Amino acid sequence: MNRKVIKELRSSIDKVDDQIFDLILKRFDYVEKIGNIKKEINMPVDDKAREEIIIERLSEKLSTKINHKEIKKIIDPIISISKDIQRRKK
């Protein structure tokens, strides 16, 4: 019984993981568009103020579920990859 429940829960996790990555890829599409505009207007990729706004917004929104430090651990790699995407030459 317990193994069956674990299998079902893991299947649910797999579905959520798929949804998460679909949304991350959608985010990266927007990031690429922003990167193209930044290139056109000669704007730097790095924007520490924007990064802090993202982290603070998520921290406020999710404060009862996950703490600031954990949010930062999750979003920092996403932001890093986003900057890599924006730096790519077209």
C-alpha atoms as a PDB file:
ATOM      1  CA  MET A   1       0.000   0.000   0.000  1.00  0.00           C
ATOM      2  CA  ASN A   2       2.667   2.535   0.971  1.00  0.00           C
ATOM      3  CA  ARG A   3       4.777   1.764  -2.110  1.00  0.00           C
ATOM      4  CA  LYS A   4       1.742   2.329  -4.302  1.00  0.00           C
ATOM      5  CA  VAL A   5       1.116   5.696  -2.670  1.00  0.00           C
ATOM      6  CA  ILE A   6       4.766   6.663  -3.171  1.00  0.00           C
ATOM      7  CA  LYS A   7       4.542   5.669  -6.847  1.00  0.00           C
ATOM      8  CA  GLU A   8       1.378   7.760  -7.315  1.00  0.00           C
ATOM      9  CA  LEU A   9       2.906  10.749  -5.533  1.00  0.00           C
ATOM     10  CA  ARG A  10       6.055  10.489  -7.635  1.00  0.00           C
ATOM     11  CA  SER A  11       3.941  10.405 -10.759  1.00  0.00           C
ATOM     12  CA  SER A  12       2.259  13.603  -9.572  1.00  0.00           C
ATOM     13  CA  ILE A  13       5.671  15.156  -8.933  1.00  0.00           C
ATOM     14  CA  ASP A  14       6.745  14.222 -12.477  1.00  0.00           C
ATOM     15  CA  LYS A  15       3.702  16.027 -13.876  1.00  0.00           C
ATOM     16  CA  VAL A  16       4.450  19.107 -11.784  1.00  0.00           C
ATOM     17  CA  ASP A  17       8.105  19.014 -12.901  1.00  0.00           C
ATOM     18  CA  ASP A  18       6.931  18.983 -16.527  1.00  0.00           C
ATOM     19  CA  GLN A  19       4.708  22.001 -15.852  1.00  0.00           C
ATOM     20  CA  ILE A  20       7.536  23.833 -14.084  1.00  0.00           C
ATOM     21  CA  PHE A  21       9.880  23.337 -17.026  1.00  0.00           C
ATOM     22  CA  ASP A  22       7.193  24.354 -19.524  1.00  0.00           C
ATOM     23  CA  LEU A  23       6.852  27.621 -17.592  1.00  0.00           C
ATOM     24  CA  ILE A  24      10.611  28.104 -17.290  1.00  0.00           C
ATOM     25  CA  LEU A  25      10.932  27.707 -21.063  1.00  0.00           C
ATOM     26  CA  LYS A  26       8.127  30.238 -21.524  1.00  0.00           C
ATOM     27  CA  ARG A  27      10.027  32.596 -19.200  1.00  0.00           C
ATOM     28  CA  PHE A  28      13.173  32.091 -21.292  1.00  0.00           C
ATOM     29  CA  ASP A  29      11.233  33.066 -24.439  1.00  0.00           C
ATOM     30  CA  TYR A  30      10.395  36.407 -22.810  1.00  0.00           C
ATOM     31  CA  VAL A  31      13.978  36.757 -21.599  1.00  0.00           C
ATOM     32  CA  GLU A  32      15.276  36.264 -25.130  1.00  0.00           C
ATOM     33  CA  LYS A  33      12.925  38.956 -26.466  1.00  0.00           C
ATOM     34  CA  ILE A  34      14.073  41.361 -23.752  1.00  0.00           C
ATOM     35  CA  GLY A  35      17.693  40.486 -24.540  1.00  0.00           C
ATOM     36  CA  ASN A  36      17.163  41.348 -28.205  1.00  0.00           C
ATOM     37  CA  ILE A  37      15.713  44.724 -27.255  1.00  0.00           C
ATOM     38  CA  LYS A  38      18.581  45.356 -24.820  1.00  0.00           C
ATOM     39  CA  LYS A  39      21.044  44.681 -27.654  1.00  0.00           C
ATOM     40  CA  GLU A  40      19.217  47.103 -29.947  1.00  0.00           C
ATOM     41  CA  ILE A  41      19.342  49.926 -27.408  1.00  0.00           C
ATOM     42  CA  ASN A  42      22.788  49.027 -26.072  1.00  0.00           C
ATOM     43  CA  MET A  43      21.505  48.233 -22.580  1.00  0.00           C
ATOM     44  CA  PRO A  44      23.525  45.966 -20.258  1.00  0.00           C
ATOM     45  CA  VAL A  45      22.269  42.468 -19.536  1.00  0.00           C
ATOM     46  CA  ASP A  46      22.941  42.687 -15.793  1.00  0.00           C
ATOM     47  CA  ASP A  47      20.284  44.483 -13.771  1.00  0.00           C
ATOM     48  CA  LYS A  48      20.819  43.837 -10.067  1.00  0.00           C
ATOM     49  CA  ALA A  49      17.936  46.121  -9.112  1.00  0.00           C
ATOM     50  CA  ARG A  50      15.525  44.038 -11.217  1.00  0.00           C
ATOM     51  CA  GLU A  51      16.892  40.828  -9.702  1.00  0.00           C
ATOM     52  CA  GLU A  52      16.241  42.158  -6.201  1.00  0.00           C
ATOM     53  CA  ILE A  53      12.721  43.211  -7.193  1.00  0.00           C
ATOM     54  CA  ILE A  54      12.017  39.673  -8.418  1.00  0.00           C
ATOM     55  CA  ILE A  55      13.334  38.089  -5.215  1.00  0.00           C
ATOM     56  CA  GLU A  56      11.496  40.545  -2.962  1.00  0.00           C
ATOM     57  CA  ARG A  57       8.225  40.136  -4.871  1.00  0.00           C
ATOM     58  CA  LEU A  58       8.416  36.360  -4.603  1.00  0.00           C
ATOM     59  CA  SER A  59       9.463  36.540  -0.949  1.00  0.00           C
ATOM     60  CA  GLU A  60       6.439  38.651  -0.101  1.00  0.00           C
ATOM     61  CA  LYS A  61       4.070  36.523  -2.144  1.00  0.00           C
ATOM     62  CA  LEU A  62       5.333  33.194  -0.799  1.00  0.00           C
ATOM     63  CA  SER A  63       6.345  34.167   2.735  1.00  0.00           C
ATOM     64  CA  THR A  64       4.030  31.639   4.395  1.00  0.00           C
ATOM     65  CA  LYS A  65       5.276  28.762   2.215  1.00  0.00           C
ATOM     66  CA  ILE A  66       8.986  29.285   1.604  1.00  0.00           C
ATOM     67  CA  ASN A  67      11.558  31.652   3.047  1.00  0.00           C
ATOM     68  CA  HIS A  68      13.646  34.341   1.339  1.00  0.00           C
ATOM     69  CA  LYS A  69      16.824  32.261   1.364  1.00  0.00           C
ATOM     70  CA  GLU A  70      15.102  29.281  -0.287  1.00  0.00           C
ATOM     71  CA  ILE A  71      13.504  31.498  -2.924  1.00  0.00           C
ATOM     72  CA  LYS A  72      16.921  32.932  -3.718  1.00  0.00           C
ATOM     73  CA  LYS A  73      18.350  29.408  -4.066  1.00  0.00           C
ATOM     74  CA  ILE A  74      15.652  28.584  -6.618  1.00  0.00           C
ATOM     75  CA  ILE A  75      15.568  31.819  -8.620  1.00  0.00           C
ATOM     76  CA  ASP A  76      19.311  32.590  -8.768  1.00  0.00           C
ATOM     77  CA  PRO A  77      20.107  29.788 -11.267  1.00  0.00           C
ATOM     78  CA  ILE A  78      17.077  30.757 -13.363  1.00  0.00           C
ATOM     79  CA  ILE A  79      18.267  34.369 -13.456  1.00  0.00           C
ATOM     80  CA  SER A  80      21.798  33.231 -14.293  1.00  0.00           C
ATOM     81  CA  ILE A  81      20.580  31.157 -17.253  1.00  0.00           C
ATOM     82  CA  SER A  82      18.361  34.067 -18.299  1.00  0.00           C
ATOM     83  CA  LYS A  83      21.399  36.330 -18.463  1.00  0.00           C
ATOM     84  CA  ASP A  84      23.283  33.697 -20.480  1.00  0.00           C
ATOM     85  CA  ILE A  85      20.392  33.616 -22.953  1.00  0.00           C
ATOM     86  CA  GLN A  86      20.439  37.404 -23.247  1.00  0.00           C
ATOM     87  CA  ARG A  87      24.183  37.384 -23.912  1.00  0.00           C
ATOM     88  CA  ARG A  88      23.908  34.936 -26.792  1.00  0.00           C
ATOM     89  CA  LYS A  89      24.744  36.368 -30.152  1.00  0.00           C
ATOM     90  CA  LYS A  90      22.027  36.144 -32.787  1.00  0.00           C
END
